[in-house]
């Protein structure tokens, strides 16, 4: 997993890795009810939140540029900010579900999360107001939640889309958007 290539920044300067109390990782693990993947902890030690320059990803099985998404920001392990994974978990746990950990979000505030229920935690995208027709490739793992109508607390439907089979695969799969080259 090549974390440095992402060029994660906080504004105009590179983000620092988390070097505070290691108990925060245990506290987060206790809150989500599952152990955190070592690769995710390693990532936070390199970049404690921030916006990656190398940010574009595709749902599994998709390659069409129209099906791409971008990471706007990774959540920080540090407490006391709206950009904290603790704040995100508190805000999203009832919507996402048990043992699902929000780790980042895209420009539409769609949540990128780890599914810690899997033996090897996978990475998923929670999409609100998106239809299954957004994904052209039949190989895409798109799951409609509920009946597709009025399923979240705001009366909107949502989908979950698998991005990667592991956190490492997710990080290694991030690319620079072709329009930004």
N, C-alpha and C. Protein backbone atom coordinates (compact mmCIF):
# COMPACT_ATOMS: atom_id res chain seq x y z
N UNK A 1 0.86 -1.17 0.00
CA UNK A 1 0.00 0.00 0.00
C UNK A 1 0.90 1.23 0.00
N UNK A 2 0.78 2.03 -1.06
CA UNK A 2 1.61 3.22 -1.21
C UNK A 2 0.82 4.46 -0.78
N UNK A 3 0.92 4.78 0.48
CA UNK A 3 0.15 5.88 1.05
C UNK A 3 0.68 7.24 0.61
N UNK A 4 1.99 7.38 0.50
CA UNK A 4 2.61 8.67 0.20
C UNK A 4 2.16 9.23 -1.15
N UNK A 5 1.87 8.35 -2.12
CA UNK A 5 1.53 8.82 -3.47
C UNK A 5 0.20 9.58 -3.50
N UNK A 6 -0.61 9.46 -2.44
CA UNK A 6 -1.92 10.12 -2.42
C UNK A 6 -1.82 11.64 -2.27
N UNK A 7 -0.70 12.12 -1.72
CA UNK A 7 -0.49 13.55 -1.50
C UNK A 7 -1.68 14.16 -0.75
N UNK A 8 -1.89 13.69 0.47
CA UNK A 8 -3.01 14.14 1.30
C UNK A 8 -2.63 15.47 1.96
N UNK A 9 -3.52 16.45 1.82
CA UNK A 9 -3.25 17.77 2.37
C UNK A 9 -4.41 18.25 3.23
N UNK A 10 -4.10 19.25 4.03
CA UNK A 10 -5.10 19.97 4.81
C UNK A 10 -4.98 21.42 4.36
N UNK A 11 -5.74 21.77 3.36
CA UNK A 11 -5.56 23.08 2.73
C UNK A 11 -4.41 22.98 1.74
N UNK A 12 -3.34 23.70 1.99
CA UNK A 12 -2.21 23.69 1.06
C UNK A 12 -1.00 22.93 1.58
N UNK A 13 -1.05 22.46 2.82
CA UNK A 13 0.12 21.77 3.37
C UNK A 13 -0.18 20.29 3.63
N UNK A 14 0.82 19.44 3.49
CA UNK A 14 0.62 17.99 3.73
C UNK A 14 0.14 17.74 5.15
N UNK A 15 -0.75 16.77 5.29
CA UNK A 15 -1.22 16.41 6.63
C UNK A 15 -0.17 15.59 7.35
N UNK A 16 -0.16 15.74 8.63
CA UNK A 16 0.74 14.95 9.46
C UNK A 16 0.02 13.69 9.89
N UNK A 17 0.79 12.68 10.20
CA UNK A 17 0.21 11.46 10.73
C UNK A 17 -0.17 11.63 12.18
N UNK A 18 -1.05 10.78 12.65
CA UNK A 18 -1.47 10.83 14.04
C UNK A 18 -0.34 10.32 14.92
N UNK A 19 0.02 11.12 15.93
CA UNK A 19 1.08 10.72 16.85
C UNK A 19 0.65 10.88 18.30
N UNK A 20 -0.64 11.01 18.51
CA UNK A 20 -1.17 11.20 19.87
C UNK A 20 -1.37 9.89 20.60
N UNK A 21 -2.29 9.90 21.52
CA UNK A 21 -2.57 8.77 22.38
C UNK A 21 -3.03 7.55 21.57
N UNK A 22 -2.28 6.44 21.62
CA UNK A 22 -2.67 5.24 20.87
C UNK A 22 -3.97 4.61 21.38
N UNK A 23 -4.41 5.01 22.57
CA UNK A 23 -5.67 4.49 23.10
C UNK A 23 -6.88 4.89 22.25
N UNK A 24 -6.74 5.96 21.46
CA UNK A 24 -7.85 6.37 20.60
C UNK A 24 -8.23 5.27 19.61
N UNK A 25 -7.24 4.51 19.14
CA UNK A 25 -7.53 3.41 18.22
C UNK A 25 -8.36 2.33 18.92
N UNK A 26 -8.00 2.03 20.17
CA UNK A 26 -8.78 1.06 20.96
C UNK A 26 -10.18 1.59 21.25
N UNK A 27 -10.27 2.87 21.55
CA UNK A 27 -11.57 3.48 21.82
C UNK A 27 -12.47 3.41 20.58
N UNK A 28 -11.90 3.70 19.41
CA UNK A 28 -12.67 3.63 18.17
C UNK A 28 -13.10 2.19 17.88
N UNK A 29 -12.18 1.27 18.08
CA UNK A 29 -12.49 -0.15 17.89
C UNK A 29 -13.63 -0.59 18.82
N UNK A 30 -13.58 -0.15 20.06
CA UNK A 30 -14.65 -0.49 21.01
C UNK A 30 -15.99 0.10 20.58
N UNK A 31 -15.97 1.33 20.07
CA UNK A 31 -17.21 1.99 19.64
C UNK A 31 -17.86 1.28 18.45
N UNK A 32 -17.02 0.83 17.52
CA UNK A 32 -17.56 0.18 16.32
C UNK A 32 -17.81 -1.31 16.57
N UNK A 33 -17.22 -1.84 17.63
CA UNK A 33 -17.48 -3.23 18.02
C UNK A 33 -16.65 -4.27 17.30
N UNK A 34 -15.62 -3.85 16.60
CA UNK A 34 -14.74 -4.77 15.87
C UNK A 34 -13.33 -4.18 15.85
N UNK A 35 -12.31 -5.03 15.67
CA UNK A 35 -10.95 -4.50 15.56
C UNK A 35 -10.78 -3.70 14.26
N UNK A 36 -9.94 -2.69 14.33
CA UNK A 36 -9.64 -1.89 13.14
C UNK A 36 -8.58 -2.60 12.30
N UNK A 37 -8.68 -2.53 10.99
CA UNK A 37 -7.66 -3.14 10.14
C UNK A 37 -6.30 -2.45 10.34
N UNK A 38 -5.25 -3.23 10.36
CA UNK A 38 -3.90 -2.69 10.54
C UNK A 38 -3.56 -1.66 9.47
N UNK A 39 -4.01 -1.89 8.24
CA UNK A 39 -3.72 -0.96 7.14
C UNK A 39 -4.38 0.40 7.37
N UNK A 40 -5.57 0.40 7.95
CA UNK A 40 -6.25 1.67 8.25
C UNK A 40 -5.51 2.42 9.35
N UNK A 41 -5.06 1.72 10.37
CA UNK A 41 -4.28 2.34 11.44
C UNK A 41 -2.98 2.90 10.87
N UNK A 42 -2.33 2.14 10.00
CA UNK A 42 -1.10 2.61 9.35
C UNK A 42 -1.37 3.89 8.57
N UNK A 43 -2.47 3.92 7.83
CA UNK A 43 -2.84 5.11 7.07
C UNK A 43 -2.95 6.33 7.98
N UNK A 44 -3.66 6.17 9.11
CA UNK A 44 -3.84 7.29 10.03
C UNK A 44 -2.53 7.74 10.66
N UNK A 45 -1.58 6.83 10.80
CA UNK A 45 -0.26 7.21 11.31
C UNK A 45 0.52 8.02 10.27
N UNK A 46 0.15 7.88 8.99
CA UNK A 46 0.79 8.66 7.93
C UNK A 46 0.03 9.96 7.64
N UNK A 47 -1.29 9.86 7.62
CA UNK A 47 -2.15 11.01 7.31
C UNK A 47 -3.37 10.96 8.23
N UNK A 48 -3.41 11.88 9.17
CA UNK A 48 -4.54 11.94 10.09
C UNK A 48 -5.63 12.82 9.49
N UNK A 49 -6.34 12.26 8.51
CA UNK A 49 -7.37 13.00 7.80
C UNK A 49 -6.78 13.83 6.69
N UNK A 50 -7.64 14.51 5.96
CA UNK A 50 -7.20 15.39 4.90
C UNK A 50 -7.74 15.00 3.53
N UNK A 51 -7.46 15.86 2.57
CA UNK A 51 -7.95 15.70 1.20
C UNK A 51 -6.84 15.15 0.30
N UNK A 52 -7.06 14.01 -0.33
CA UNK A 52 -6.03 13.45 -1.21
C UNK A 52 -6.07 14.08 -2.60
N UNK A 53 -4.91 14.32 -3.15
CA UNK A 53 -4.82 14.77 -4.55
C UNK A 53 -5.16 13.60 -5.48
N UNK A 54 -4.66 12.43 -5.14
CA UNK A 54 -4.99 11.20 -5.87
C UNK A 54 -6.27 10.68 -5.21
N UNK A 55 -7.42 11.00 -5.81
CA UNK A 55 -8.68 10.83 -5.09
C UNK A 55 -9.76 10.04 -5.81
N UNK A 56 -9.58 9.69 -7.06
CA UNK A 56 -10.65 9.12 -7.86
C UNK A 56 -10.72 7.60 -7.71
N UNK A 57 -11.95 7.10 -7.58
CA UNK A 57 -12.16 5.66 -7.49
C UNK A 57 -13.41 5.27 -8.25
N UNK A 58 -13.51 3.99 -8.53
CA UNK A 58 -14.64 3.42 -9.25
C UNK A 58 -15.24 2.30 -8.41
N UNK A 59 -16.55 2.13 -8.45
CA UNK A 59 -17.14 0.94 -7.83
C UNK A 59 -16.56 -0.31 -8.50
N UNK A 60 -16.50 -1.40 -7.76
CA UNK A 60 -15.98 -2.64 -8.34
C UNK A 60 -16.74 -2.97 -9.61
N UNK A 61 -16.00 -3.34 -10.65
CA UNK A 61 -16.60 -3.72 -11.92
C UNK A 61 -16.89 -2.55 -12.84
N UNK A 62 -16.66 -1.33 -12.39
CA UNK A 62 -16.91 -0.14 -13.20
C UNK A 62 -15.59 0.45 -13.68
N UNK A 63 -15.59 1.02 -14.86
CA UNK A 63 -14.40 1.71 -15.35
C UNK A 63 -14.77 2.96 -16.14
N UNK A 64 -16.05 3.16 -16.40
CA UNK A 64 -16.51 4.33 -17.13
C UNK A 64 -16.32 5.57 -16.27
N UNK A 65 -15.73 6.61 -16.84
CA UNK A 65 -15.45 7.83 -16.10
C UNK A 65 -16.71 8.42 -15.46
N UNK A 66 -17.87 8.22 -16.10
CA UNK A 66 -19.12 8.72 -15.54
C UNK A 66 -19.51 8.01 -14.25
N UNK A 67 -18.91 6.86 -13.99
CA UNK A 67 -19.20 6.10 -12.76
C UNK A 67 -18.16 6.34 -11.68
N UNK A 68 -17.26 7.30 -11.90
CA UNK A 68 -16.21 7.55 -10.92
C UNK A 68 -16.69 8.47 -9.81
N UNK A 69 -16.01 8.37 -8.70
CA UNK A 69 -16.26 9.22 -7.54
C UNK A 69 -14.91 9.71 -7.04
N UNK A 70 -14.92 10.73 -6.19
CA UNK A 70 -13.68 11.24 -5.64
C UNK A 70 -13.76 11.39 -4.13
N UNK A 71 -12.69 11.03 -3.46
CA UNK A 71 -12.60 11.24 -2.01
C UNK A 71 -12.39 12.73 -1.77
N UNK A 72 -13.32 13.36 -1.10
CA UNK A 72 -13.13 14.77 -0.73
C UNK A 72 -12.22 14.88 0.48
N UNK A 73 -12.45 14.01 1.46
CA UNK A 73 -11.70 14.11 2.70
C UNK A 73 -11.74 12.79 3.46
N UNK A 74 -10.60 12.42 4.02
CA UNK A 74 -10.55 11.30 4.96
C UNK A 74 -10.79 11.87 6.36
N UNK A 75 -11.51 11.11 7.17
CA UNK A 75 -11.74 11.52 8.55
C UNK A 75 -10.47 11.34 9.38
N UNK A 76 -10.31 12.21 10.37
CA UNK A 76 -9.18 12.19 11.30
C UNK A 76 -9.54 11.34 12.52
N UNK A 77 -8.54 10.73 13.13
CA UNK A 77 -8.74 10.00 14.39
C UNK A 77 -8.79 10.99 15.57
N UNK A 78 -8.25 12.19 15.37
CA UNK A 78 -8.25 13.20 16.43
C UNK A 78 -9.66 13.65 16.74
N UNK A 79 -9.94 13.84 18.01
CA UNK A 79 -11.28 14.25 18.44
C UNK A 79 -11.43 15.77 18.39
N UNK A 80 -12.67 16.21 18.53
CA UNK A 80 -12.92 17.64 18.68
C UNK A 80 -13.14 18.39 17.38
N UNK A 81 -13.43 17.70 16.30
CA UNK A 81 -13.67 18.35 15.03
C UNK A 81 -14.77 17.62 14.27
N UNK A 82 -15.45 18.33 13.39
CA UNK A 82 -16.46 17.70 12.54
C UNK A 82 -15.83 16.71 11.57
N UNK A 83 -14.54 16.82 11.34
CA UNK A 83 -13.82 15.93 10.42
C UNK A 83 -13.26 14.71 11.14
N UNK A 84 -13.68 14.48 12.37
CA UNK A 84 -13.21 13.35 13.16
C UNK A 84 -14.01 12.09 12.84
N UNK A 85 -13.34 10.96 12.80
CA UNK A 85 -14.02 9.68 12.59
C UNK A 85 -15.00 9.40 13.73
N UNK A 86 -14.70 9.91 14.92
CA UNK A 86 -15.62 9.74 16.06
C UNK A 86 -16.92 10.51 15.80
N UNK A 87 -16.80 11.72 15.30
CA UNK A 87 -17.98 12.52 14.96
C UNK A 87 -18.76 11.85 13.83
N UNK A 88 -18.06 11.38 12.81
CA UNK A 88 -18.71 10.71 11.68
C UNK A 88 -19.44 9.45 12.12
N UNK A 89 -18.79 8.66 12.97
CA UNK A 89 -19.42 7.43 13.46
C UNK A 89 -20.69 7.76 14.25
N UNK A 90 -20.62 8.78 15.08
CA UNK A 90 -21.79 9.17 15.85
C UNK A 90 -22.92 9.63 14.93
N UNK A 91 -22.57 10.38 13.89
CA UNK A 91 -23.58 10.91 12.97
C UNK A 91 -24.17 9.85 12.05
N UNK A 92 -23.38 8.83 11.69
CA UNK A 92 -23.79 7.89 10.65
C UNK A 92 -24.09 6.48 11.14
N UNK A 93 -23.80 6.14 12.39
CA UNK A 93 -23.92 4.74 12.82
C UNK A 93 -25.33 4.20 12.67
N UNK A 94 -26.34 4.99 12.95
CA UNK A 94 -27.72 4.51 12.83
C UNK A 94 -28.14 4.32 11.38
N UNK A 95 -27.55 5.09 10.49
CA UNK A 95 -27.88 5.00 9.07
C UNK A 95 -27.09 3.87 8.41
N UNK A 96 -25.78 3.81 8.68
CA UNK A 96 -24.93 2.80 8.03
C UNK A 96 -25.18 1.41 8.60
N UNK A 97 -25.24 1.30 9.90
CA UNK A 97 -25.46 0.00 10.52
C UNK A 97 -24.30 -0.43 11.40
N UNK A 98 -24.47 -1.62 11.98
CA UNK A 98 -23.53 -2.15 12.95
C UNK A 98 -22.21 -2.59 12.30
N UNK A 99 -21.12 -2.25 12.95
CA UNK A 99 -19.76 -2.64 12.54
C UNK A 99 -19.35 -2.03 11.21
N UNK A 100 -19.94 -0.89 10.86
CA UNK A 100 -19.58 -0.17 9.64
C UNK A 100 -18.97 1.16 10.07
N UNK A 101 -17.76 1.43 9.57
CA UNK A 101 -16.99 2.59 10.03
C UNK A 101 -16.77 3.58 8.90
N UNK A 102 -17.38 4.78 8.98
CA UNK A 102 -17.12 5.79 7.96
C UNK A 102 -15.66 6.25 8.05
N UNK A 103 -14.99 6.27 6.90
CA UNK A 103 -13.57 6.65 6.89
C UNK A 103 -13.31 7.90 6.04
N UNK A 104 -14.28 8.24 5.17
CA UNK A 104 -14.11 9.38 4.27
C UNK A 104 -15.47 9.73 3.67
N UNK A 105 -15.50 10.81 2.90
CA UNK A 105 -16.71 11.18 2.18
C UNK A 105 -16.34 11.80 0.85
N UNK A 106 -17.31 11.79 -0.08
CA UNK A 106 -17.08 12.42 -1.38
C UNK A 106 -17.74 13.80 -1.40
N UNK A 107 -17.71 14.45 -2.56
CA UNK A 107 -18.23 15.81 -2.68
C UNK A 107 -19.72 15.94 -2.43
N UNK A 108 -20.47 14.85 -2.53
CA UNK A 108 -21.91 14.86 -2.27
C UNK A 108 -22.25 14.39 -0.88
N UNK A 109 -21.26 14.28 -0.02
CA UNK A 109 -21.39 13.76 1.35
C UNK A 109 -21.85 12.30 1.38
N UNK A 110 -21.58 11.57 0.29
CA UNK A 110 -21.76 10.12 0.31
C UNK A 110 -20.63 9.55 1.15
N UNK A 111 -20.95 8.61 2.00
CA UNK A 111 -19.97 8.08 2.95
C UNK A 111 -19.21 6.88 2.38
N UNK A 112 -17.91 6.91 2.54
CA UNK A 112 -17.04 5.79 2.20
C UNK A 112 -16.76 5.11 3.53
N UNK A 113 -17.03 3.82 3.60
CA UNK A 113 -16.93 3.16 4.89
C UNK A 113 -16.32 1.76 4.79
N UNK A 114 -15.76 1.33 5.91
CA UNK A 114 -15.24 -0.02 6.06
C UNK A 114 -16.33 -0.92 6.61
N UNK A 115 -16.52 -2.07 5.97
CA UNK A 115 -17.44 -3.08 6.50
C UNK A 115 -16.60 -4.03 7.34
N UNK A 116 -16.64 -3.84 8.64
CA UNK A 116 -15.82 -4.64 9.55
C UNK A 116 -16.45 -5.99 9.86
N UNK A 117 -17.61 -6.28 9.27
CA UNK A 117 -18.24 -7.59 9.42
C UNK A 117 -17.51 -8.66 8.60
N UNK A 118 -16.82 -8.24 7.55
CA UNK A 118 -16.08 -9.16 6.71
C UNK A 118 -14.79 -9.61 7.40
N UNK A 119 -14.33 -10.84 7.10
CA UNK A 119 -13.06 -11.31 7.66
C UNK A 119 -11.94 -10.35 7.31
N UNK A 120 -11.89 -9.95 6.05
CA UNK A 120 -11.00 -8.87 5.61
C UNK A 120 -11.92 -7.70 5.31
N UNK A 121 -11.88 -6.65 6.13
CA UNK A 121 -12.82 -5.55 5.96
C UNK A 121 -12.79 -4.96 4.54
N UNK A 122 -13.96 -4.87 3.94
CA UNK A 122 -14.09 -4.33 2.59
C UNK A 122 -14.49 -2.85 2.67
N UNK A 123 -14.40 -2.18 1.52
CA UNK A 123 -14.70 -0.75 1.46
C UNK A 123 -15.92 -0.54 0.57
N UNK A 124 -16.86 0.25 1.06
CA UNK A 124 -18.13 0.49 0.39
C UNK A 124 -18.42 1.98 0.31
N UNK A 125 -19.32 2.33 -0.60
CA UNK A 125 -19.79 3.70 -0.75
C UNK A 125 -21.29 3.72 -0.50
N UNK A 126 -21.73 4.56 0.43
CA UNK A 126 -23.15 4.76 0.71
C UNK A 126 -23.59 5.95 -0.12
N UNK A 127 -24.51 5.71 -1.06
CA UNK A 127 -24.98 6.74 -1.98
C UNK A 127 -26.42 7.11 -1.68
N UNK A 128 -26.68 8.38 -1.53
CA UNK A 128 -28.06 8.81 -1.40
C UNK A 128 -28.51 9.44 -2.72
N UNK A 129 -29.76 9.25 -3.03
CA UNK A 129 -30.36 9.83 -4.25
C UNK A 129 -29.70 9.37 -5.54
N UNK A 130 -29.08 8.21 -5.54
CA UNK A 130 -28.50 7.66 -6.77
C UNK A 130 -29.33 6.46 -7.17
N UNK A 131 -29.50 6.27 -8.44
CA UNK A 131 -30.22 5.11 -8.94
C UNK A 131 -29.28 4.05 -9.44
N UNK A 132 -29.77 2.83 -9.47
CA UNK A 132 -28.96 1.71 -9.95
C UNK A 132 -28.54 1.92 -11.39
N UNK A 133 -29.32 2.70 -12.16
CA UNK A 133 -28.98 2.96 -13.55
C UNK A 133 -27.73 3.81 -13.70
N UNK A 134 -27.21 4.36 -12.61
CA UNK A 134 -25.96 5.11 -12.65
C UNK A 134 -24.78 4.21 -13.00
N UNK A 135 -24.96 2.91 -12.81
CA UNK A 135 -23.87 1.97 -12.99
C UNK A 135 -24.15 1.09 -14.19
N UNK A 136 -23.32 1.22 -15.20
CA UNK A 136 -23.56 0.55 -16.47
C UNK A 136 -23.07 -0.89 -16.49
N UNK A 137 -22.00 -1.17 -15.80
CA UNK A 137 -21.38 -2.49 -15.86
C UNK A 137 -22.16 -3.49 -15.02
N UNK A 138 -22.51 -4.60 -15.61
CA UNK A 138 -23.29 -5.62 -14.88
C UNK A 138 -22.49 -6.23 -13.74
N UNK A 139 -21.16 -6.05 -13.74
CA UNK A 139 -20.31 -6.61 -12.70
C UNK A 139 -20.32 -5.76 -11.43
N UNK A 140 -20.82 -4.54 -11.50
CA UNK A 140 -20.81 -3.66 -10.34
C UNK A 140 -21.66 -4.27 -9.23
N UNK A 141 -21.13 -4.23 -8.01
CA UNK A 141 -21.86 -4.76 -6.85
C UNK A 141 -22.67 -3.62 -6.25
N UNK A 142 -23.88 -3.44 -6.75
CA UNK A 142 -24.78 -2.38 -6.31
C UNK A 142 -25.93 -3.02 -5.56
N UNK A 143 -26.16 -2.58 -4.35
CA UNK A 143 -27.25 -3.14 -3.55
C UNK A 143 -28.19 -2.03 -3.14
N UNK A 144 -29.43 -2.16 -3.55
CA UNK A 144 -30.45 -1.20 -3.14
C UNK A 144 -30.85 -1.54 -1.72
N UNK A 145 -30.92 -0.54 -0.89
CA UNK A 145 -31.33 -0.74 0.49
C UNK A 145 -32.82 -0.45 0.60
N UNK A 146 -33.55 -1.36 1.17
CA UNK A 146 -34.99 -1.19 1.33
C UNK A 146 -35.70 -1.32 0.00
N UNK A 147 -36.78 -0.59 -0.17
CA UNK A 147 -37.56 -0.71 -1.40
C UNK A 147 -37.22 0.37 -2.42
N UNK A 148 -36.18 1.16 -2.14
CA UNK A 148 -35.79 2.20 -3.07
C UNK A 148 -36.57 3.49 -2.92
N UNK A 149 -37.47 3.53 -1.96
CA UNK A 149 -38.25 4.74 -1.72
C UNK A 149 -38.26 5.04 -0.23
N UNK A 150 -38.03 6.28 0.10
CA UNK A 150 -38.18 6.76 1.47
C UNK A 150 -37.51 5.85 2.50
N UNK A 151 -36.26 5.51 2.28
CA UNK A 151 -35.61 4.54 3.16
C UNK A 151 -34.70 5.14 4.22
N UNK A 152 -34.22 6.35 4.03
CA UNK A 152 -33.40 6.90 5.10
C UNK A 152 -34.23 7.92 5.88
N UNK A 153 -33.65 8.50 6.88
CA UNK A 153 -34.42 9.35 7.78
C UNK A 153 -34.96 10.61 7.12
N UNK A 154 -34.39 11.00 5.97
CA UNK A 154 -34.86 12.18 5.26
C UNK A 154 -35.90 11.85 4.20
N UNK A 155 -36.33 10.59 4.14
CA UNK A 155 -37.32 10.20 3.15
C UNK A 155 -36.73 10.01 1.77
N UNK A 156 -35.43 9.71 1.69
CA UNK A 156 -34.77 9.49 0.42
C UNK A 156 -34.26 8.06 0.38
N UNK A 157 -34.14 7.53 -0.82
CA UNK A 157 -33.60 6.18 -0.94
C UNK A 157 -32.09 6.25 -1.09
N UNK A 158 -31.46 5.12 -0.93
CA UNK A 158 -30.01 5.08 -1.06
C UNK A 158 -29.56 3.70 -1.53
N UNK A 159 -28.32 3.67 -1.99
CA UNK A 159 -27.69 2.44 -2.45
C UNK A 159 -26.34 2.32 -1.76
N UNK A 160 -25.87 1.09 -1.63
CA UNK A 160 -24.50 0.86 -1.21
C UNK A 160 -23.79 0.14 -2.34
N UNK A 161 -22.57 0.57 -2.60
CA UNK A 161 -21.81 0.06 -3.73
C UNK A 161 -20.44 -0.37 -3.23
N UNK A 162 -20.05 -1.57 -3.57
CA UNK A 162 -18.73 -2.06 -3.15
C UNK A 162 -17.65 -1.39 -3.99
N UNK A 163 -16.62 -0.92 -3.29
CA UNK A 163 -15.50 -0.26 -3.94
C UNK A 163 -14.29 -1.18 -4.01
N UNK A 164 -13.98 -1.84 -2.90
CA UNK A 164 -12.76 -2.65 -2.84
C UNK A 164 -12.92 -3.76 -1.82
N UNK A 165 -12.17 -4.83 -2.02
CA UNK A 165 -12.21 -5.98 -1.11
C UNK A 165 -11.40 -5.77 0.16
N UNK A 166 -10.60 -4.69 0.21
CA UNK A 166 -9.81 -4.39 1.40
C UNK A 166 -9.45 -2.90 1.38
N UNK A 167 -9.01 -2.40 2.54
CA UNK A 167 -8.56 -1.01 2.61
C UNK A 167 -7.34 -0.80 1.72
N UNK A 168 -6.43 -1.76 1.72
CA UNK A 168 -5.23 -1.65 0.88
C UNK A 168 -5.61 -1.56 -0.59
N UNK A 169 -6.55 -2.40 -1.02
CA UNK A 169 -6.99 -2.36 -2.42
C UNK A 169 -7.62 -1.01 -2.75
N UNK A 170 -8.37 -0.46 -1.82
CA UNK A 170 -8.97 0.86 -2.02
C UNK A 170 -7.89 1.92 -2.21
N UNK A 171 -6.93 1.98 -1.29
CA UNK A 171 -5.86 2.98 -1.37
C UNK A 171 -5.06 2.81 -2.66
N UNK A 172 -4.69 1.57 -2.97
CA UNK A 172 -3.89 1.32 -4.18
C UNK A 172 -4.67 1.59 -5.46
N UNK A 173 -6.01 1.55 -5.39
CA UNK A 173 -6.83 1.79 -6.57
C UNK A 173 -7.15 3.25 -6.84
N UNK A 174 -6.86 4.13 -5.89
CA UNK A 174 -7.13 5.55 -6.11
C UNK A 174 -6.24 6.09 -7.23
N UNK A 175 -6.83 6.93 -8.09
CA UNK A 175 -6.10 7.50 -9.22
C UNK A 175 -6.36 9.01 -9.28
N UNK A 176 -5.58 9.68 -10.10
CA UNK A 176 -5.84 11.09 -10.39
C UNK A 176 -6.91 11.13 -11.46
N UNK A 177 -7.92 11.95 -11.27
CA UNK A 177 -8.99 12.08 -12.26
C UNK A 177 -8.37 12.53 -13.59
N UNK A 178 -8.73 11.89 -14.70
CA UNK A 178 -8.14 12.23 -15.99
C UNK A 178 -8.29 13.70 -16.37
N UNK A 179 -9.33 14.37 -15.93
CA UNK A 179 -9.50 15.79 -16.25
C UNK A 179 -8.53 16.67 -15.48
N UNK A 180 -7.85 16.10 -14.49
CA UNK A 180 -6.91 16.88 -13.66
C UNK A 180 -5.46 16.66 -14.05
N UNK A 181 -5.22 15.81 -15.04
CA UNK A 181 -3.82 15.55 -15.46
C UNK A 181 -3.18 16.76 -16.06
